[in-house]
Amino acid sequence: MTQGRGSAVALGLALLCLLIHSEIAESATYTVGDGNGWTFNTDTWPRGKRFRAGDVLVFNYNPSAHNVVAVNRGGYSGCTTPRGSRVFRSGNDRITLSKGTNYFICNFAGHCQSGMKIAATAV
């Protein structure tokens, strides 16, 4: 009887590990702009990519020349920084996508208007 319970516990732990591993294995990491990094005319970079909630976007850029701001739809379309928007300044930012459309811009003067913005929709 004790041996049967031990086997059931071991099986349960094995299934739990498998579930956790499959969840981790599903997330992917994408470098925004690929080899060019986060720069001008990046707005078309997400096309053809299938993002999932939990995927990570890596923004590589010169922090003295650019930043990354997580904005809402209005901030994205109007190239504005809504109050309370999170600003990233490291030059190597890793941002985990939430389900739905995630919007990012550079809010240095004129950069967003020059295509330094992306909208990434995660399912």
Protein backbone atom coordinates (compact mmCIF):
# COMPACT_ATOMS: atom_id res chain seq x y z
CA MET A 1 0.00 0.00 0.00
CA THR A 2 2.79 2.44 0.90
CA GLN A 3 4.66 1.53 -2.27
CA GLY A 4 1.56 2.40 -4.36
CA ARG A 5 1.30 5.85 -2.76
CA GLY A 6 4.98 6.49 -3.34
CA SER A 7 4.57 5.64 -7.01
CA ALA A 8 1.56 7.95 -7.29
CA VAL A 9 3.49 10.80 -5.66
CA ALA A 10 6.47 10.21 -7.95
CA LEU A 11 4.19 10.18 -10.99
CA GLY A 12 2.52 13.39 -9.83
CA LEU A 13 5.88 15.11 -9.38
CA ALA A 14 7.05 13.92 -12.79
CA LEU A 15 3.89 15.33 -14.41
CA LEU A 16 4.34 18.62 -12.57
CA CYS A 17 7.95 18.90 -13.78
CA LEU A 18 6.84 18.13 -17.33
CA LEU A 19 4.14 20.79 -17.15
CA ILE A 20 6.55 23.42 -15.80
CA HIS A 21 9.14 22.52 -18.43
CA SER A 22 6.65 22.75 -21.29
CA GLU A 23 5.49 26.16 -20.03
CA ILE A 24 9.07 27.43 -19.97
CA ALA A 25 9.87 25.90 -23.33
CA GLU A 26 6.97 27.72 -24.98
CA SER A 27 8.28 31.23 -24.32
CA ALA A 28 10.63 32.68 -26.90
CA THR A 29 13.07 35.59 -26.94
CA TYR A 30 13.11 38.06 -29.83
CA THR A 31 15.66 40.79 -30.48
CA VAL A 32 13.73 43.83 -31.70
CA GLY A 33 15.07 44.94 -35.08
CA ASP A 34 17.14 41.75 -35.31
CA GLY A 35 20.80 42.65 -36.05
CA ASN A 36 20.04 46.37 -36.38
CA GLY A 37 18.60 46.61 -32.87
CA TRP A 38 16.07 49.17 -31.68
CA THR A 39 16.45 51.98 -34.19
CA PHE A 40 14.59 54.05 -36.78
CA ASN A 41 12.09 52.37 -39.14
CA THR A 42 11.59 49.42 -36.80
CA ASP A 43 7.79 49.75 -36.94
CA THR A 44 7.49 46.95 -39.52
CA TRP A 45 9.72 44.49 -37.61
CA PRO A 46 6.83 42.58 -35.90
CA ARG A 47 5.17 41.66 -39.23
CA GLY A 48 4.99 37.93 -39.81
CA LYS A 49 5.99 37.08 -36.24
CA ARG A 50 3.69 35.14 -33.93
CA PHE A 51 4.15 36.29 -30.36
CA ARG A 52 2.80 34.56 -27.27
CA ALA A 53 2.14 35.99 -23.83
CA GLY A 54 5.33 35.40 -21.85
CA ASP A 55 7.66 35.87 -24.83
CA VAL A 56 10.48 38.32 -24.20
CA LEU A 57 11.44 41.25 -26.41
CA VAL A 58 15.05 42.39 -26.14
CA PHE A 59 15.66 46.03 -27.04
CA ASN A 60 19.35 46.74 -27.84
CA TYR A 61 20.25 50.41 -28.37
CA ASN A 62 22.58 53.22 -27.34
CA PRO A 63 20.99 54.61 -24.14
CA SER A 64 22.38 58.10 -24.76
CA ALA A 65 20.52 58.21 -28.09
CA HIS A 66 17.30 56.25 -27.46
CA ASN A 67 14.98 54.72 -24.87
CA VAL A 68 11.99 52.37 -24.82
CA VAL A 69 8.63 53.46 -23.46
CA ALA A 70 5.75 51.02 -22.92
CA VAL A 71 2.66 52.98 -23.95
CA ASN A 72 -1.02 52.44 -24.68
CA ARG A 73 -2.62 52.53 -28.12
CA GLY A 74 -3.09 56.30 -28.03
CA GLY A 75 0.55 56.84 -27.10
CA TYR A 76 1.61 54.57 -29.94
CA SER A 77 -0.54 56.16 -32.65
CA GLY A 78 0.08 59.73 -31.47
CA CYS A 79 3.75 59.25 -30.54
CA THR A 80 3.09 60.58 -27.05
CA THR A 81 4.05 59.39 -23.59
CA PRO A 82 0.92 59.00 -21.47
CA ARG A 83 1.23 59.75 -17.78
CA GLY A 84 2.46 56.69 -15.86
CA SER A 85 4.14 55.04 -18.87
CA ARG A 86 7.12 52.87 -17.98
CA VAL A 87 10.39 54.15 -19.44
CA PHE A 88 13.34 51.80 -20.00
CA ARG A 89 16.83 53.28 -20.37
CA SER A 90 19.41 50.49 -19.99
CA GLY A 91 20.24 49.95 -23.66
CA ASN A 92 19.59 46.23 -23.20
CA ASP A 93 16.01 46.00 -21.96
CA ARG A 94 14.18 42.69 -21.68
CA ILE A 95 10.39 43.11 -21.65
CA THR A 96 7.94 40.24 -21.21
CA LEU A 97 4.86 40.48 -23.43
CA SER A 98 1.38 40.41 -21.94
CA LYS A 99 -1.59 38.91 -23.77
CA GLY A 100 -3.01 41.40 -26.26
CA THR A 101 -1.27 44.21 -28.09
CA ASN A 102 1.86 45.63 -26.46
CA TYR A 103 2.96 49.07 -27.66
CA PHE A 104 6.47 50.53 -27.45
CA ILE A 105 7.96 53.81 -28.66
CA CYS A 106 11.16 55.81 -28.30
CA ASN A 107 10.15 59.19 -26.89
CA PHE A 108 13.28 61.11 -27.89
CA ALA A 109 12.19 64.04 -30.07
CA GLY A 110 11.15 62.87 -33.55
CA HIS A 111 12.19 59.24 -33.10
CA CYS A 112 8.71 57.71 -32.85
CA GLN A 113 7.60 59.75 -35.85
CA SER A 114 10.58 58.24 -37.74
CA GLY A 115 9.27 54.72 -37.18
CA MET A 116 10.94 53.97 -33.86
CA LYS A 117 7.86 52.23 -32.48
CA ILE A 118 6.38 48.75 -32.54
CA ALA A 119 3.06 47.10 -31.76
CA ALA A 120 3.46 43.42 -30.84
CA THR A 121 0.30 41.35 -30.39
CA ALA A 122 0.68 38.31 -28.15
CA VAL A 123 -1.87 35.48 -28.06
